[in-house]
Amino acid sequence: MEITFTRTKERSCRITAVRDDGVTVSVPTNGRKAEIPHEFCHYVVEREFRLEYALWGSIAAGALFPGMKIISGRQKPHAGDRSRMLLKQIDGKGELFVDLFVGLAHKATGSFFEGEGYRGEERRQLHMEKLSSLSPAQISRTVAALLDVQRKWDSVGPGDSITVTWTVGAKAAKNRKATRKRA
């Protein structure tokens, strides 16, 4: 899946994704203004930890989150049922973990959200425990990747884009092989 982040203003962007099935979707931003788009940080964290069914892996597999729109292409039969199934399968705790790591990464890279804050001490404590189970090498690698994305994003002007490829998960690999065979 190809994901394109287009800077629209200094601290905002538009996101589109061309899934391996040929469907192009728009992905809403979370509305927070940050130096690096929150969804771009999700991409890096999910890629580095090889999270197959968080935000981007779910979209690649056919999930349509609230606010997403199909821009072009035709979905396969029963795509709505598949999307609902995928949304139910997402491990909410895992997604919250990703959000916390992304939030901490924003802080580590100096990219703060306007009005950012934890939603409850209990939630913060749960995710701090998960973070403490990560190896220093995993954290280091992910923060380095985020800093690299920040440098690249800083060089993008309004109207310009960065396109990345989502390659995590069996579904993504299977779809890429099928696409190559058709070509």
Protein backbone atom coordinates (compact mmCIF):
# COMPACT_ATOMS: atom_id res chain seq x y z
CA MET A 1 0.00 0.00 0.00
CA GLU A 2 1.28 3.43 -0.91
CA ILE A 3 0.57 6.18 1.66
CA THR A 4 0.97 9.84 0.68
CA PHE A 5 1.27 12.63 3.23
CA THR A 6 0.75 16.02 1.56
CA ARG A 7 1.55 19.15 3.56
CA THR A 8 -1.35 21.58 3.22
CA LYS A 9 -0.15 24.21 5.70
CA GLU A 10 2.77 24.49 8.06
CA ARG A 11 1.25 22.14 10.63
CA SER A 12 -1.43 20.22 8.75
CA CYS A 13 -1.64 17.63 6.01
CA ARG A 14 -3.86 15.54 3.75
CA ILE A 15 -3.41 11.76 3.67
CA THR A 16 -4.31 9.32 0.92
CA ALA A 17 -3.58 5.63 0.66
CA VAL A 18 -3.64 3.44 -2.43
CA ARG A 19 -4.32 -0.04 -1.17
CA ASP A 20 -2.94 -3.09 -2.95
CA ASP A 21 -6.48 -3.89 -4.19
CA GLY A 22 -6.40 -0.64 -6.21
CA VAL A 23 -8.79 1.30 -3.98
CA THR A 24 -7.66 4.83 -3.05
CA VAL A 25 -8.89 6.17 0.28
CA SER A 26 -8.57 9.46 2.10
CA VAL A 27 -7.52 9.10 5.72
CA PRO A 28 -8.62 11.85 8.09
CA THR A 29 -6.05 13.43 10.36
CA ASN A 30 -6.75 13.38 14.05
CA GLY A 31 -7.04 17.17 14.12
CA ARG A 32 -4.05 17.69 16.40
CA LYS A 33 -1.48 20.08 15.05
CA ALA A 34 2.08 18.78 15.39
CA GLU A 35 5.42 19.16 13.70
CA ILE A 36 5.09 15.61 12.30
CA PRO A 37 1.61 14.34 11.38
CA HIS A 38 0.33 11.98 14.05
CA GLU A 39 -0.62 9.38 11.43
CA PHE A 40 2.93 9.54 10.00
CA CYS A 41 4.26 8.74 13.47
CA HIS A 42 1.80 5.83 13.58
CA TYR A 43 3.27 4.60 10.32
CA VAL A 44 6.82 4.65 11.72
CA VAL A 45 5.95 3.05 15.08
CA GLU A 46 3.74 0.36 13.51
CA ARG A 47 6.38 -0.41 10.87
CA GLU A 48 9.24 -0.60 13.38
CA PHE A 49 7.29 -2.91 15.71
CA ARG A 50 5.80 -4.85 12.74
CA LEU A 51 2.24 -4.33 13.99
CA GLU A 52 0.09 -5.99 11.34
CA TYR A 53 -3.33 -4.83 12.57
CA ALA A 54 -2.99 -1.38 14.05
CA LEU A 55 -3.99 1.65 11.95
CA TRP A 56 -2.05 1.14 8.70
CA GLY A 57 -2.14 -2.66 8.60
CA SER A 58 -5.90 -2.59 9.08
CA ILE A 59 -6.33 -0.04 6.30
CA ALA A 60 -4.11 -2.15 4.01
CA ALA A 61 -6.30 -5.18 4.76
CA GLY A 62 -9.47 -3.26 3.87
CA ALA A 63 -10.70 -1.56 7.04
CA LEU A 64 -12.48 1.76 6.65
CA PHE A 65 -12.21 3.78 9.84
CA PRO A 66 -14.78 6.49 10.60
CA GLY A 67 -14.11 9.55 8.47
CA MET A 68 -12.30 7.64 5.72
CA LYS A 69 -13.63 8.05 2.20
CA ILE A 70 -13.12 6.04 -0.95
CA ILE A 71 -11.66 8.37 -3.58
CA SER A 72 -11.34 5.90 -6.45
CA GLY A 73 -11.37 2.23 -7.27
CA ARG A 74 -13.92 -0.44 -6.64
CA GLN A 75 -14.06 -2.47 -3.50
CA LYS A 76 -14.49 -6.23 -3.65
CA PRO A 77 -17.90 -7.75 -2.81
CA HIS A 78 -18.61 -7.84 0.92
CA ALA A 79 -15.93 -5.22 1.61
CA GLY A 80 -18.16 -3.54 4.20
CA ASP A 81 -18.49 -6.80 6.14
CA ARG A 82 -14.72 -7.34 5.97
CA SER A 83 -14.07 -3.80 7.19
CA ARG A 84 -16.40 -4.26 10.19
CA MET A 85 -14.70 -7.59 11.01
CA LEU A 86 -11.25 -5.99 10.83
CA LEU A 87 -12.31 -3.09 13.04
CA LYS A 88 -13.62 -5.56 15.65
CA GLN A 89 -10.34 -7.54 15.54
CA ILE A 90 -8.13 -4.57 16.27
CA ASP A 91 -6.59 -4.95 19.69
CA GLY A 92 -7.72 -1.71 21.34
CA LYS A 93 -5.04 -2.08 23.97
CA GLY A 94 -2.39 -2.43 21.27
CA GLU A 95 -3.69 0.65 19.48
CA LEU A 96 -3.60 2.62 22.74
CA PHE A 97 -0.03 1.41 23.25
CA VAL A 98 0.89 2.71 19.80
CA ASP A 99 -0.77 6.04 20.62
CA LEU A 100 1.19 6.33 23.83
CA PHE A 101 4.48 5.49 22.12
CA VAL A 102 3.66 7.98 19.37
CA GLY A 103 2.90 10.61 22.04
CA LEU A 104 6.18 9.92 23.80
CA ALA A 105 7.99 10.00 20.46
CA HIS A 106 6.45 13.39 19.70
CA LYS A 107 7.85 14.60 23.01
CA ALA A 108 11.26 13.00 22.36
CA THR A 109 11.51 14.64 18.95
CA GLY A 110 10.27 17.99 20.25
CA SER A 111 7.10 17.68 18.18
CA PHE A 112 4.38 18.58 20.67
CA PHE A 113 0.65 18.44 20.08
CA GLU A 114 -1.41 21.49 20.88
CA GLY A 115 -3.44 20.58 23.96
CA GLU A 116 -1.80 17.16 24.32
CA GLY A 117 -2.30 15.23 27.52
CA TYR A 118 -2.96 11.77 28.88
CA ARG A 119 -6.57 10.68 29.27
CA GLY A 120 -6.38 9.31 32.78
CA GLU A 121 -3.66 8.11 35.10
CA GLU A 122 -4.80 4.48 34.89
CA ARG A 123 -4.39 4.41 31.09
CA ARG A 124 -0.99 6.09 31.30
CA GLN A 125 0.19 3.58 33.93
CA LEU A 126 -0.94 0.57 31.82
CA HIS A 127 1.02 1.79 28.82
CA MET A 128 4.09 2.79 30.78
CA GLU A 129 4.27 -0.85 31.91
CA LYS A 130 4.13 -1.99 28.27
CA LEU A 131 6.80 0.52 27.27
CA SER A 132 9.08 -0.70 30.05
CA SER A 133 9.00 -4.17 28.46
CA LEU A 134 10.59 -2.86 25.24
CA SER A 135 14.29 -3.25 24.72
CA PRO A 136 16.44 -0.12 24.59
CA ALA A 137 17.42 -1.16 21.04
CA GLN A 138 13.76 -1.23 19.93
CA ILE A 139 13.12 2.19 21.42
CA SER A 140 16.35 3.61 19.99
CA ARG A 141 15.63 2.28 16.51
CA THR A 142 12.09 3.67 16.55
CA VAL A 143 13.09 7.10 17.82
CA ALA A 144 15.87 7.26 15.20
CA ALA A 145 13.31 6.41 12.49
CA LEU A 146 10.99 9.12 13.83
CA LEU A 147 13.81 11.68 13.82
CA ASP A 148 14.56 10.71 10.22
CA VAL A 149 10.90 11.25 9.28
CA GLN A 150 10.92 14.58 11.08
CA ARG A 151 13.95 15.74 9.05
CA LYS A 152 12.25 14.67 5.83
CA TRP A 153 8.92 16.26 6.78
CA ASP A 154 10.64 19.53 7.74
CA SER A 155 11.91 19.79 4.16
CA VAL A 156 8.42 19.41 2.65
CA GLY A 157 6.68 22.65 1.69
CA PRO A 158 2.95 23.30 1.36
CA GLY A 159 1.58 21.30 -1.57
CA ASP A 160 4.51 18.86 -1.52
CA SER A 161 4.27 15.22 -0.46
CA ILE A 162 6.10 12.24 0.96
CA THR A 163 4.97 8.79 -0.17
CA VAL A 164 5.84 5.69 1.82
CA THR A 165 5.04 2.00 1.29
CA TRP A 166 3.33 -0.18 3.90
CA THR A 167 4.91 -3.64 3.77
CA VAL A 168 4.03 -5.18 7.14
CA GLY A 169 1.95 -8.32 7.37
CA ALA A 170 1.03 -11.41 5.41
CA LYS A 171 -1.89 -9.68 3.68
CA ALA A 172 0.39 -6.94 2.37
CA ALA A 173 2.94 -9.47 1.09
CA LYS A 174 0.24 -11.64 -0.53
CA ASN A 175 -1.31 -8.61 -2.28
CA ARG A 176 2.08 -7.41 -3.56
CA LYS A 177 2.79 -10.86 -5.07
CA ALA A 178 -0.64 -10.94 -6.74
CA THR A 179 -0.11 -7.45 -8.15
CA ARG A 180 3.29 -8.46 -9.60
CA LYS A 181 1.78 -11.55 -11.24
CA ARG A 182 -0.89 -9.45 -12.97
CA ALA A 183 1.63 -6.95 -14.32
